Amino acid sequence: MRIEDQPAYVLHARPWRETSLLVEVLSLEHGRIGLLARGVQGPKKQALRAALQPLQAIRFDAQQTGELAQLRRAESQDVAPRLHGHAMLAGFYINELVMRLTPRQDPLPELYVAYGQLRAQLDQPATLAWSLRRFERDLLDALGVGFDWSSAADGEPIDPAARYRLDPLQGPLRLLNERNNERRTLATGSALLALALDQQPRNSDLASLRLQMRAVLLHHLGGRGLKSWEMLGELARPQA
């Protein structure tokens, strides 16, 4: 199969043998694709190497003959975000998350759009935590394992004053009997409704989403966490 002039975002690149790269991209029409980029070393290949850096937006041609496609051409479409500190770790996180959760060659155009929107917001510290929670929501929805964020698992409307545990299979479960300070680890109803309405909540409500969203993602990751989680620490706090 020939892939021509396909827009994509670079998720990861690593050396392969002496002069080549193994590259993972999230493309618009073909989903996640593994690319073999041969002969990218040398001064004449500097532009190509730059185009294959993580978070870079590209257009590319390739020949899909097996699990990996042979890269024929790649050109940068803009200047990749220049990130530092928490923003840089957030970029690493979203790339690792997409690589771990999305199957290859499964078109996910909604996820492609959500990735592009988040990429443009990574350098905005005031809204970074909210941008990450929105992307996690959109990723789950694109994979078909998201929730109706405005309704609890029992079908009742979300109560903004209540607390909820996010069950990966059932959805939001309302806390009925508080024990061992469990309430502090659960998401507020206001935060879930904010996700449903796509409206940034108060900082305290936003902070309540982090642990519950991570628990859902961990389930779909098969119980094996992300390397970036070890690095992110408290990145998801609103002040990040």
Protein backbone atom coordinates (compact mmCIF):
# COMPACT_ATOMS: atom_id res chain seq x y z
CA MET A 1 0.00 0.00 0.00
CA ARG A 2 1.30 3.43 -0.94
CA ILE A 3 0.81 6.29 1.47
CA GLU A 4 1.15 9.68 -0.19
CA ASP A 5 1.26 13.22 1.18
CA GLN A 6 -0.13 12.10 4.53
CA PRO A 7 -0.30 14.58 7.44
CA ALA A 8 1.00 13.23 10.74
CA TYR A 9 2.57 14.04 14.08
CA VAL A 10 5.81 12.36 15.12
CA LEU A 11 5.43 10.45 18.39
CA HIS A 12 8.83 8.82 18.79
CA ALA A 13 12.08 8.19 16.92
CA ARG A 14 15.05 6.02 17.81
CA PRO A 15 18.23 4.99 16.01
CA TRP A 16 18.26 1.77 14.05
CA ARG A 17 21.55 0.32 12.91
CA GLU A 18 24.09 2.96 11.89
CA THR A 19 22.26 5.35 9.61
CA SER A 20 18.52 4.79 10.05
CA LEU A 21 15.66 5.61 12.39
CA LEU A 22 12.58 3.75 13.58
CA VAL A 23 9.79 6.32 13.79
CA GLU A 24 6.25 6.18 15.16
CA VAL A 25 3.73 8.72 13.85
CA LEU A 26 0.05 9.46 14.38
CA SER A 27 -1.39 10.04 10.92
CA LEU A 28 -4.74 11.49 9.92
CA GLU A 29 -6.03 8.72 7.66
CA HIS A 30 -4.12 5.64 8.81
CA GLY A 31 -3.77 6.10 12.57
CA ARG A 32 -0.51 5.14 14.20
CA ILE A 33 2.14 3.96 11.76
CA GLY A 34 5.64 2.59 12.29
CA LEU A 35 8.12 3.97 9.75
CA LEU A 36 11.60 2.85 8.81
CA ALA A 37 13.61 5.89 7.75
CA ARG A 38 16.78 4.71 6.05
CA GLY A 39 19.94 6.70 5.58
CA VAL A 40 19.09 9.77 7.65
CA GLN A 41 22.64 10.50 8.80
CA GLY A 42 24.94 13.02 7.18
CA PRO A 43 24.82 16.80 6.59
CA LYS A 44 22.51 16.50 3.57
CA LYS A 45 19.87 14.77 5.71
CA GLN A 46 19.70 17.40 8.43
CA ALA A 47 16.25 18.67 7.34
CA LEU A 48 14.90 15.12 7.29
CA ARG A 49 16.23 14.36 10.77
CA ALA A 50 14.69 17.57 12.06
CA ALA A 51 11.33 16.59 10.57
CA LEU A 52 11.39 13.28 12.43
CA GLN A 53 11.67 14.69 15.94
CA PRO A 54 8.86 14.05 18.45
CA LEU A 55 5.92 16.51 18.34
CA GLN A 56 6.85 17.62 14.81
CA ALA A 57 4.00 18.03 12.31
CA ILE A 58 4.94 16.49 8.96
CA ARG A 59 3.62 15.33 5.63
CA PHE A 60 5.13 12.10 4.36
CA ASP A 61 5.13 9.45 1.68
CA ALA A 62 5.73 5.78 2.50
CA GLN A 63 5.33 2.26 1.18
CA GLN A 64 3.54 -0.12 3.55
CA THR A 65 4.81 -3.64 2.94
CA GLY A 66 4.62 -5.18 6.39
CA GLU A 67 4.46 -4.10 10.00
CA LEU A 68 6.74 -1.16 9.20
CA ALA A 69 6.30 1.22 6.30
CA GLN A 70 9.34 2.35 4.31
CA LEU A 71 9.58 6.13 4.53
CA ARG A 72 10.07 7.77 1.13
CA ARG A 73 9.70 11.45 2.01
CA ALA A 74 8.98 13.62 5.04
CA GLU A 75 8.74 17.38 5.33
CA SER A 76 8.10 19.57 8.36
CA GLN A 77 4.87 21.56 8.26
CA ASP A 78 5.73 24.02 11.01
CA VAL A 79 8.15 24.56 13.86
CA ALA A 80 7.64 22.01 16.63
CA PRO A 81 6.86 23.49 20.07
CA ARG A 82 9.98 24.39 22.01
CA LEU A 83 9.11 23.07 25.42
CA HIS A 84 10.83 23.09 28.78
CA GLY A 85 10.17 21.69 32.23
CA HIS A 86 6.65 20.47 32.88
CA ALA A 87 5.53 21.20 29.32
CA MET A 88 8.32 19.04 27.90
CA LEU A 89 7.36 16.17 30.23
CA ALA A 90 3.72 16.59 29.22
CA GLY A 91 4.72 16.19 25.57
CA PHE A 92 6.61 13.02 26.44
CA TYR A 93 3.56 11.79 28.37
CA ILE A 94 1.00 12.24 25.59
CA ASN A 95 3.29 10.59 23.04
CA GLU A 96 3.89 7.59 25.29
CA LEU A 97 0.18 7.34 26.04
CA VAL A 98 -0.78 7.32 22.35
CA MET A 99 1.91 4.77 21.51
CA ARG A 100 0.85 2.42 24.30
CA LEU A 101 -2.91 2.61 23.79
CA THR A 102 -3.51 2.94 20.06
CA PRO A 103 -3.15 0.01 17.68
CA ARG A 104 -1.21 0.48 14.49
CA GLN A 105 -3.02 1.20 11.23
CA ASP A 106 -6.35 1.96 12.91
CA PRO A 107 -7.66 5.34 11.69
CA LEU A 108 -8.58 7.62 14.58
CA PRO A 109 -9.23 11.02 13.00
CA GLU A 110 -10.83 12.43 16.17
CA LEU A 111 -7.70 11.59 18.12
CA TYR A 112 -5.53 13.20 15.45
CA VAL A 113 -7.50 16.43 15.84
CA ALA A 114 -7.35 16.26 19.66
CA TYR A 115 -3.59 15.68 19.53
CA GLY A 116 -3.08 18.72 17.34
CA GLN A 117 -5.15 20.88 19.69
CA LEU A 118 -3.20 19.74 22.74
CA ARG A 119 0.13 20.17 20.97
CA ALA A 120 -0.74 23.82 20.40
CA GLN A 121 -1.52 24.27 24.12
CA LEU A 122 1.46 22.56 25.72
CA ASP A 123 3.30 25.84 26.26
CA GLN A 124 0.41 27.42 28.21
CA PRO A 125 1.12 26.65 31.90
CA ALA A 126 -2.13 28.09 33.22
CA THR A 127 -4.24 25.58 31.31
CA LEU A 128 -1.84 22.64 30.95
CA ALA A 129 -3.51 20.35 33.50
CA TRP A 130 -6.94 20.97 31.96
CA SER A 131 -5.57 20.37 28.47
CA LEU A 132 -4.18 17.00 29.59
CA ARG A 133 -7.45 15.91 31.18
CA ARG A 134 -9.35 16.87 28.01
CA PHE A 135 -6.92 14.88 25.90
CA GLU A 136 -7.24 11.82 28.15
CA ARG A 137 -11.03 12.11 27.80
CA ASP A 138 -10.77 12.43 24.02
CA LEU A 139 -8.36 9.49 23.78
CA LEU A 140 -10.71 7.23 25.72
CA ASP A 141 -13.63 8.37 23.56
CA ALA A 142 -11.69 7.76 20.32
CA LEU A 143 -10.82 4.24 21.47
CA GLY A 144 -14.48 3.53 22.25
CA VAL A 145 -13.96 3.12 26.00
CA GLY A 146 -15.03 6.57 27.20
CA PHE A 147 -18.02 7.50 29.34
CA ASP A 148 -21.08 9.69 29.31
CA TRP A 149 -19.45 12.22 31.61
CA SER A 150 -22.82 13.72 32.57
CA SER A 151 -24.34 10.46 33.89
CA ALA A 152 -23.34 8.01 36.60
CA ALA A 153 -23.07 4.28 36.00
CA ASP A 154 -26.58 3.78 37.38
CA GLY A 155 -28.03 6.22 34.85
CA GLU A 156 -28.60 9.01 37.33
CA PRO A 157 -27.41 12.51 36.41
CA ILE A 158 -24.06 13.51 37.88
CA ASP A 159 -24.51 15.48 41.10
CA PRO A 160 -22.01 18.36 41.13
CA ALA A 161 -21.81 18.20 44.94
CA ALA A 162 -21.05 14.46 45.08
CA ARG A 163 -17.83 12.48 44.66
CA TYR A 164 -17.31 9.69 42.13
CA ARG A 165 -14.94 6.84 41.46
CA LEU A 166 -14.32 6.17 37.77
CA ASP A 167 -14.77 2.48 37.11
CA PRO A 168 -12.97 1.65 33.83
CA LEU A 169 -15.86 -0.54 32.65
CA GLN A 170 -18.95 0.97 34.24
CA GLY A 171 -18.18 4.68 34.43
CA PRO A 172 -18.70 7.08 37.36
CA LEU A 173 -19.77 5.38 40.61
CA ARG A 174 -21.10 7.71 43.29
CA LEU A 175 -19.54 7.58 46.74
CA LEU A 176 -22.27 6.52 49.15
CA ASN A 177 -20.37 5.59 52.30
CA GLU A 178 -17.18 7.47 53.06
CA ARG A 179 -14.43 5.47 54.69
CA ASN A 180 -10.71 5.95 55.25
CA ASN A 181 -10.79 9.43 53.76
CA GLU A 182 -11.67 7.90 50.37
CA ARG A 183 -13.52 11.08 49.42
CA ARG A 184 -10.27 13.00 48.89
CA THR A 185 -9.10 10.61 46.18
CA LEU A 186 -12.30 10.73 44.12
CA ALA A 187 -13.43 13.06 41.35
CA THR A 188 -15.98 15.73 42.09
CA GLY A 189 -19.25 15.76 40.22
CA SER A 190 -18.46 19.31 39.14
CA ALA A 191 -15.24 18.09 37.48
CA LEU A 192 -17.05 15.36 35.56
CA LEU A 193 -19.67 17.81 34.36
CA ALA A 194 -16.88 20.14 33.26
CA LEU A 195 -15.53 17.34 31.07
CA ALA A 196 -19.01 16.76 29.69
CA LEU A 197 -19.44 20.45 28.86
CA ASP A 198 -15.79 20.98 27.85
CA GLN A 199 -15.52 23.89 30.29
CA GLN A 200 -12.51 24.25 32.56
CA PRO A 201 -13.57 23.75 36.20
CA ARG A 202 -12.27 25.38 39.36
CA ASN A 203 -8.74 24.37 40.32
CA SER A 204 -9.87 22.20 43.22
CA ASP A 205 -12.30 20.28 41.01
CA LEU A 206 -9.71 19.92 38.25
CA ALA A 207 -7.17 18.46 40.67
CA SER A 208 -9.69 15.78 41.71
CA LEU A 209 -9.65 14.26 38.23
CA ARG A 210 -5.99 13.27 38.05
CA LEU A 211 -5.94 10.09 40.14
CA GLN A 212 -9.25 8.81 38.79
CA MET A 213 -8.28 9.37 35.14
CA ARG A 214 -4.96 7.68 35.79
CA ALA A 215 -6.71 4.64 37.27
CA VAL A 216 -8.87 4.29 34.15
CA LEU A 217 -5.88 4.64 31.86
CA LEU A 218 -3.89 2.13 33.92
CA HIS A 219 -6.66 -0.43 33.43
CA HIS A 220 -6.52 -0.02 29.66
CA LEU A 221 -2.73 -0.18 29.79
CA GLY A 222 -3.05 -3.67 31.21
CA GLY A 223 -1.89 -2.61 34.66
CA ARG A 224 1.58 -1.60 33.44
CA GLY A 225 2.17 2.07 34.04
CA LEU A 226 3.95 4.66 31.94
CA LYS A 227 7.55 5.75 32.29
CA SER A 228 6.37 9.33 32.02
CA TRP A 229 4.19 8.95 35.13
CA GLU A 230 7.35 8.45 37.15
CA MET A 231 8.70 11.71 35.73
CA LEU A 232 5.55 13.80 35.78
CA GLY A 233 5.03 13.71 39.54
CA GLU A 234 2.57 16.42 40.37
CA LEU A 235 2.46 17.90 36.87
CA ALA A 236 -1.30 17.52 36.64
CA ARG A 237 -1.94 19.97 39.48
CA PRO A 238 -3.58 23.16 38.16
CA GLN A 239 -0.54 25.26 39.05
CA ALA A 240 1.57 23.16 36.64
